[in-house]
Amino acid sequence: MPCVIKYDHYDGEKLPRYKVITWCGKKPSNWMFQDAQHAALADKPICNSCKKAIKDALN
Protein backbone atom coordinates (compact mmCIF):
# COMPACT_ATOMS: atom_id res chain seq x y z
CA MET A 1 0.00 0.00 0.00
CA PRO A 2 1.27 3.50 -0.75
CA CYS A 3 2.63 5.75 1.96
CA VAL A 4 1.73 9.39 2.57
CA ILE A 5 4.29 12.22 2.30
CA LYS A 6 4.68 14.29 5.46
CA TYR A 7 7.39 16.70 4.22
CA ASP A 8 8.75 17.12 0.71
CA HIS A 9 9.80 20.77 0.99
CA TYR A 10 12.08 22.48 3.48
CA ASP A 11 12.50 26.22 3.82
CA GLY A 12 10.68 26.77 0.53
CA GLU A 13 12.80 24.34 -1.49
CA LYS A 14 11.80 20.91 -2.78
CA LEU A 15 13.75 18.14 -1.09
CA PRO A 16 15.55 15.49 -3.13
CA ARG A 17 13.65 12.20 -3.21
CA TYR A 18 15.94 10.50 -0.70
CA LYS A 19 15.20 13.23 1.90
CA VAL A 20 11.39 13.12 1.56
CA ILE A 21 9.78 12.18 4.89
CA THR A 22 6.73 9.92 5.02
CA TRP A 23 4.29 9.74 7.92
CA CYS A 24 5.45 6.22 8.82
CA GLY A 25 9.16 6.95 8.40
CA LYS A 26 9.73 4.48 5.54
CA LYS A 27 11.91 5.37 2.59
CA PRO A 28 9.98 7.07 -0.22
CA SER A 29 8.65 4.73 -2.89
CA ASN A 30 7.88 5.37 -6.54
CA TRP A 31 4.23 6.14 -5.85
CA MET A 32 3.00 7.97 -2.73
CA PHE A 33 0.14 10.22 -1.79
CA GLN A 34 1.13 13.89 -1.91
CA ASP A 35 -0.25 14.54 1.59
CA ALA A 36 -2.88 13.35 4.08
CA GLN A 37 -5.64 15.39 2.42
CA HIS A 38 -5.03 13.77 -0.97
CA ALA A 39 -5.00 10.32 0.64
CA ALA A 40 -8.33 11.01 2.36
CA LEU A 41 -9.96 12.35 -0.80
CA ALA A 42 -8.69 9.49 -2.97
CA ASP A 43 -10.63 6.95 -0.89
CA LYS A 44 -7.90 4.35 -1.54
CA PRO A 45 -6.08 2.18 1.01
CA ILE A 46 -2.89 3.67 2.48
CA CYS A 47 -0.02 2.26 4.51
CA ASN A 48 -1.33 1.20 7.94
CA SER A 49 1.65 2.78 9.70
CA CYS A 50 1.00 6.10 7.94
CA LYS A 51 -2.68 5.89 8.85
CA LYS A 52 -1.82 5.33 12.53
CA ALA A 53 0.72 8.18 12.59
CA ILE A 54 -1.80 10.60 11.02
CA LYS A 55 -4.52 9.58 13.48
CA ASP A 56 -2.11 10.00 16.41
CA ALA A 57 -1.19 13.49 15.19
CA LEU A 58 -4.87 14.46 15.10
CA ASN A 59 -5.41 13.49 18.73
PDB file of N, CA and C in Angstrom:
ATOM      1  N   MET A   1       0.842  -1.190   0.000  1.00  0.00           N
ATOM      2  CA  MET A   1       0.000   0.000   0.000  1.00  0.00           C
ATOM      3  C   MET A   1       0.883   1.248   0.000  1.00  0.00           C
ATOM      4  N   PRO A   2       0.446   2.285  -0.662  1.00  0.00           N
ATOM      5  CA  PRO A   2       1.266   3.499  -0.754  1.00  0.00           C
ATOM      6  C   PRO A   2       1.303   4.271   0.562  1.00  0.00           C
ATOM      7  N   CYS A   3       2.435   4.906   0.787  1.00  0.00           N
ATOM      8  CA  CYS A   3       2.628   5.753   1.960  1.00  0.00           C
ATOM      9  C   CYS A   3       2.147   7.174   1.661  1.00  0.00           C
ATOM     10  N   VAL A   4       2.158   8.005   2.696  1.00  0.00           N
ATOM     11  CA  VAL A   4       1.734   9.393   2.571  1.00  0.00           C
ATOM     12  C   VAL A   4       2.918  10.303   2.916  1.00  0.00           C
ATOM     13  N   ILE A   5       3.185  11.279   2.065  1.00  0.00           N
ATOM     14  CA  ILE A   5       4.287  12.217   2.300  1.00  0.00           C
ATOM     15  C   ILE A   5       3.921  13.170   3.434  1.00  0.00           C
ATOM     16  N   LYS A   6       4.854  13.325   4.364  1.00  0.00           N
ATOM     17  CA  LYS A   6       4.680  14.286   5.456  1.00  0.00           C
ATOM     18  C   LYS A   6       5.376  15.603   5.085  1.00  0.00           C
ATOM     19  N   TYR A   7       6.629  15.521   4.655  1.00  0.00           N
ATOM     20  CA  TYR A   7       7.387  16.696   4.219  1.00  0.00           C
ATOM     21  C   TYR A   7       8.107  16.385   2.915  1.00  0.00           C
ATOM     22  N   ASP A   8       7.956  17.251   1.925  1.00  0.00           N
ATOM     23  CA  ASP A   8       8.749  17.122   0.708  1.00  0.00           C
ATOM     24  C   ASP A   8       9.374  18.457   0.324  1.00  0.00           C
ATOM     25  N   HIS A   9       9.162  19.460   1.162  1.00  0.00           N
ATOM     26  CA  HIS A   9       9.797  20.773   0.989  1.00  0.00           C
ATOM     27  C   HIS A   9      10.400  21.195   2.330  1.00  0.00           C
ATOM     28  N   TYR A  10      11.487  21.932   2.276  1.00  0.00           N
ATOM     29  CA  TYR A  10      12.078  22.483   3.483  1.00  0.00           C
ATOM     30  C   TYR A  10      12.551  23.890   3.176  1.00  0.00           C
ATOM     31  N   ASP A  11      12.091  24.818   3.975  1.00  0.00           N
ATOM     32  CA  ASP A  11      12.496  26.219   3.816  1.00  0.00           C
ATOM     33  C   ASP A  11      12.231  26.728   2.399  1.00  0.00           C
ATOM     34  N   GLY A  12      11.093  26.296   1.833  1.00  0.00           N
ATOM     35  CA  GLY A  12      10.680  26.767   0.525  1.00  0.00           C
ATOM     36  C   GLY A  12      11.291  26.040  -0.657  1.00  0.00           C
ATOM     37  N   GLU A  13      12.162  25.068  -0.396  1.00  0.00           N
ATOM     38  CA  GLU A  13      12.802  24.344  -1.495  1.00  0.00           C
ATOM     39  C   GLU A  13      12.394  22.877  -1.481  1.00  0.00           C
ATOM     40  N   LYS A  14      12.183  22.324  -2.656  1.00  0.00           N
ATOM     41  CA  LYS A  14      11.804  20.914  -2.780  1.00  0.00           C
ATOM     42  C   LYS A  14      12.982  20.029  -2.391  1.00  0.00           C
ATOM     43  N   LEU A  15      12.705  19.054  -1.527  1.00  0.00           N
ATOM     44  CA  LEU A  15      13.745  18.136  -1.088  1.00  0.00           C
ATOM     45  C   LEU A  15      14.030  17.085  -2.154  1.00  0.00           C
ATOM     46  N   PRO A  16      15.278  16.607  -2.228  1.00  0.00           N
ATOM     47  CA  PRO A  16      15.553  15.486  -3.128  1.00  0.00           C
ATOM     48  C   PRO A  16      14.785  14.257  -2.647  1.00  0.00           C
ATOM     49  N   ARG A  17      14.490  13.354  -3.530  1.00  0.00           N
ATOM     50  CA  ARG A  17      13.648  12.199  -3.215  1.00  0.00           C
ATOM     51  C   ARG A  17      14.134  11.440  -1.984  1.00  0.00           C
ATOM     52  N   TYR A  18      15.427  11.278  -1.819  1.00  0.00           N
ATOM     53  CA  TYR A  18      15.944  10.498  -0.696  1.00  0.00           C
ATOM     54  C   TYR A  18      15.771  11.206   0.659  1.00  0.00           C
ATOM     55  N   LYS A  19      15.423  12.501   0.648  1.00  0.00           N
ATOM     56  CA  LYS A  19      15.200  13.226   1.899  1.00  0.00           C
ATOM     57  C   LYS A  19      13.721  13.453   2.211  1.00  0.00           C
ATOM     58  N   VAL A  20      12.825  12.983   1.339  1.00  0.00           N
ATOM     59  CA  VAL A  20      11.391  13.118   1.565  1.00  0.00           C
ATOM     60  C   VAL A  20      11.018  12.291   2.795  1.00  0.00           C
ATOM     61  N   ILE A  21      10.181  12.855   3.660  1.00  0.00           N
ATOM     62  CA  ILE A  21       9.776  12.182   4.894  1.00  0.00           C
ATOM     63  C   ILE A  21       8.325  11.734   4.763  1.00  0.00           C
ATOM     64  N   THR A  22       8.090  10.450   5.030  1.00  0.00           N
ATOM     65  CA  THR A  22       6.731   9.916   5.020  1.00  0.00           C
ATOM     66  C   THR A  22       6.206   9.892   6.443  1.00  0.00           C
ATOM     67  N   TRP A  23       4.891   9.766   6.592  1.00  0.00           N
ATOM     68  CA  TRP A  23       4.291   9.738   7.918  1.00  0.00           C
ATOM     69  C   TRP A  23       4.769   8.548   8.735  1.00  0.00           C
ATOM     70  N   CYS A  24       5.047   7.425   8.089  1.00  0.00           N
ATOM     71  CA  CYS A  24       5.451   6.221   8.821  1.00  0.00           C
ATOM     72  C   CYS A  24       6.966   6.125   8.984  1.00  0.00           C
ATOM     73  N   GLY A  25       7.712   6.959   8.282  1.00  0.00           N
ATOM     74  CA  GLY A  25       9.163   6.947   8.397  1.00  0.00           C
ATOM     75  C   GLY A  25       9.865   6.033   7.410  1.00  0.00           C
ATOM     76  N   LYS A  26       9.114   5.340   6.552  1.00  0.00           N
ATOM     77  CA  LYS A  26       9.731   4.475   5.544  1.00  0.00           C
ATOM     78  C   LYS A  26      10.372   5.318   4.450  1.00  0.00           C
ATOM     79  N   LYS A  27      11.302   4.696   3.728  1.00  0.00           N
ATOM     80  CA  LYS A  27      11.913   5.369   2.590  1.00  0.00           C
ATOM     81  C   LYS A  27      10.847   5.643   1.537  1.00  0.00           C
ATOM     82  N   PRO A  28      10.951   6.754   0.827  1.00  0.00           N
ATOM     83  CA  PRO A  28       9.984   7.066  -0.224  1.00  0.00           C
ATOM     84  C   PRO A  28       9.975   5.995  -1.310  1.00  0.00           C
ATOM     85  N   SER A  29       8.789   5.710  -1.805  1.00  0.00           N
ATOM     86  CA  SER A  29       8.651   4.733  -2.892  1.00  0.00           C
ATOM     87  C   SER A  29       8.346   5.481  -4.183  1.00  0.00           C
ATOM     88  N   ASN A  30       8.154   4.743  -5.247  1.00  0.00           N
ATOM     89  CA  ASN A  30       7.875   5.368  -6.543  1.00  0.00           C
ATOM     90  C   ASN A  30       6.533   6.077  -6.567  1.00  0.00           C
ATOM     91  N   TRP A  31       5.556   5.545  -5.841  1.00  0.00           N
ATOM     92  CA  TRP A  31       4.232   6.145  -5.851  1.00  0.00           C
ATOM     93  C   TRP A  31       3.784   6.362  -4.420  1.00  0.00           C
ATOM     94  N   MET A  32       3.466   7.625  -4.075  1.00  0.00           N
ATOM     95  CA  MET A  32       3.000   7.973  -2.733  1.00  0.00           C
ATOM     96  C   MET A  32       1.908   9.021  -2.875  1.00  0.00           C
ATOM     97  N   PHE A  33       1.107   9.133  -1.826  1.00  0.00           N
ATOM     98  CA  PHE A  33       0.144  10.224  -1.794  1.00  0.00           C
ATOM     99  C   PHE A  33       0.877  11.504  -1.458  1.00  0.00           C
ATOM    100  N   GLN A  34       0.468  12.595  -2.073  1.00  0.00           N
ATOM    101  CA  GLN A  34       1.131  13.888  -1.913  1.00  0.00           C
ATOM    102  C   GLN A  34       1.049  14.383  -0.466  1.00  0.00           C
ATOM    103  N   ASP A  35      -0.079  14.159   0.192  1.00  0.00           N
ATOM    104  CA  ASP A  35      -0.245  14.538   1.587  1.00  0.00           C
ATOM    105  C   ASP A  35      -1.480  13.836   2.136  1.00  0.00           C
ATOM    106  N   ALA A  36      -1.766  14.042   3.421  1.00  0.00           N
ATOM    107  CA  ALA A  36      -2.882  13.349   4.075  1.00  0.00           C
ATOM    108  C   ALA A  36      -4.228  13.722   3.447  1.00  0.00           C
ATOM    109  N   GLN A  37      -4.378  14.967   3.030  1.00  0.00           N
ATOM    110  CA  GLN A  37      -5.643  15.391   2.420  1.00  0.00           C
ATOM    111  C   GLN A  37      -5.895  14.644   1.117  1.00  0.00           C
ATOM    112  N   HIS A  38      -4.868  14.497   0.292  1.00  0.00           N
ATOM    113  CA  HIS A  38      -5.034  13.773  -0.967  1.00  0.00           C
ATOM    114  C   HIS A  38      -5.357  12.295  -0.709  1.00  0.00           C
ATOM    115  N   ALA A  39      -4.725  11.715   0.301  1.00  0.00           N
ATOM    116  CA  ALA A  39      -5.000  10.321   0.636  1.00  0.00           C
ATOM    117  C   ALA A  39      -6.449  10.154   1.083  1.00  0.00           C
ATOM    118  N   ALA A  40      -6.947  11.089   1.881  1.00  0.00           N
ATOM    119  CA  ALA A  40      -8.329  11.011   2.361  1.00  0.00           C
ATOM    120  C   ALA A  40      -9.320  11.181   1.213  1.00  0.00           C
ATOM    121  N   LEU A  41      -9.046  12.099   0.308  1.00  0.00           N
ATOM    122  CA  LEU A  41      -9.956  12.352  -0.804  1.00  0.00           C
ATOM    123  C   LEU A  41      -9.931  11.244  -1.855  1.00  0.00           C
ATOM    124  N   ALA A  42      -8.809  10.536  -1.965  1.00  0.00           N
ATOM    125  CA  ALA A  42      -8.695   9.493  -2.975  1.00  0.00           C
ATOM    126  C   ALA A  42      -9.519   8.262  -2.616  1.00  0.00           C
ATOM    127  N   ASP A  43      -9.836   8.094  -1.350  1.00  0.00           N
ATOM    128  CA  ASP A  43     -10.626   6.955  -0.887  1.00  0.00           C
ATOM    129  C   ASP A  43      -9.992   5.630  -1.320  1.00  0.00           C
ATOM    130  N   LYS A  44      -8.674   5.554  -1.223  1.00  0.00           N
ATOM    131  CA  LYS A  44      -7.903   4.351  -1.543  1.00  0.00           C
ATOM    132  C   LYS A  44      -7.167   3.911  -0.276  1.00  0.00           C
ATOM    133  N   PRO A  45      -6.814   2.632  -0.176  1.00  0.00           N
ATOM    134  CA  PRO A  45      -6.075   2.178   1.006  1.00  0.00           C
ATOM    135  C   PRO A  45      -4.687   2.804   1.061  1.00  0.00           C
ATOM    136  N   ILE A  46      -4.235   3.121   2.279  1.00  0.00           N
ATOM    137  CA  ILE A  46      -2.893   3.670   2.484  1.00  0.00           C
ATOM    138  C   ILE A  46      -2.151   2.773   3.469  1.00  0.00           C
ATOM    139  N   CYS A  47      -0.886   2.988   3.587  1.00  0.00           N
ATOM    140  CA  CYS A  47      -0.021   2.264   4.514  1.00  0.00           C
ATOM    141  C   CYS A  47      -0.620   2.349   5.924  1.00  0.00           C
ATOM    142  N   ASN A  48      -0.747   1.216   6.599  1.00  0.00           N
ATOM    143  CA  ASN A  48      -1.333   1.196   7.935  1.00  0.00           C
ATOM    144  C   ASN A  48      -0.524   2.005   8.935  1.00  0.00           C
ATOM    145  N   SER A  49       0.800   1.998   8.799  1.00  0.00           N
ATOM    146  CA  SER A  49       1.652   2.778   9.702  1.00  0.00           C
ATOM    147  C   SER A  49       1.445   4.274   9.488  1.00  0.00           C
ATOM    148  N   CYS A  50       1.288   4.692   8.229  1.00  0.00           N
ATOM    149  CA  CYS A  50       0.998   6.097   7.940  1.00  0.00           C
ATOM    150  C   CYS A  50      -0.354   6.486   8.529  1.00  0.00           C
ATOM    151  N   LYS A  51      -1.339   5.616   8.337  1.00  0.00           N
ATOM    152  CA  LYS A  51      -2.681   5.889   8.847  1.00  0.00           C
ATOM    153  C   LYS A  51      -2.651   6.088  10.362  1.00  0.00           C
ATOM    154  N   LYS A  52      -1.918   5.223  11.076  1.00  0.00           N
ATOM    155  CA  LYS A  52      -1.825   5.330  12.533  1.00  0.00           C
ATOM    156  C   LYS A  52      -1.127   6.626  12.942  1.00  0.00           C
ATOM    157  N   ALA A  53      -0.034   6.972  12.264  1.00  0.00           N
ATOM    158  CA  ALA A  53       0.717   8.184  12.588  1.00  0.00           C
ATOM    159  C   ALA A  53      -0.136   9.430  12.359  1.00  0.00           C
ATOM    160  N   ILE A  54      -0.922   9.455  11.299  1.00  0.00           N
ATOM    161  CA  ILE A  54      -1.797  10.596  11.016  1.00  0.00           C
ATOM    162  C   ILE A  54      -2.884  10.701  12.083  1.00  0.00           C
ATOM    163  N   LYS A  55      -3.494   9.569  12.435  1.00  0.00           N
ATOM    164  CA  LYS A  55      -4.522   9.579  13.477  1.00  0.00           C
ATOM    165  C   LYS A  55      -3.946  10.047  14.818  1.00  0.00           C
ATOM    166  N   ASP A  56      -2.754   9.577  15.162  1.00  0.00           N
ATOM    167  CA  ASP A  56      -2.109   9.998  16.413  1.00  0.00           C
ATOM    168  C   ASP A  56      -1.846  11.502  16.419  1.00  0.00           C
ATOM    169  N   ALA A  57      -1.457  12.052  15.272  1.00  0.00           N
ATOM    170  CA  ALA A  57      -1.188  13.485  15.187  1.00  0.00           C
ATOM    171  C   ALA A  57      -2.460  14.311  15.351  1.00  0.00           C
ATOM    172  N   LEU A  58      -3.591  13.742  14.974  1.00  0.00           N
ATOM    173  CA  LEU A  58      -4.867  14.457  15.097  1.00  0.00           C
ATOM    174  C   LEU A  58      -5.401  14.479  16.512  1.00  0.00           C
ATOM    175  N   ASN A  59      -4.929  13.564  17.336  1.00  0.00           N
ATOM    176  CA  ASN A  59      -5.414  13.493  18.734  1.00  0.00           C
ATOM    177  C   ASN A  59      -4.636  14.366  19.658  1.00  0.00           C
TER     178      ASN A  59
END
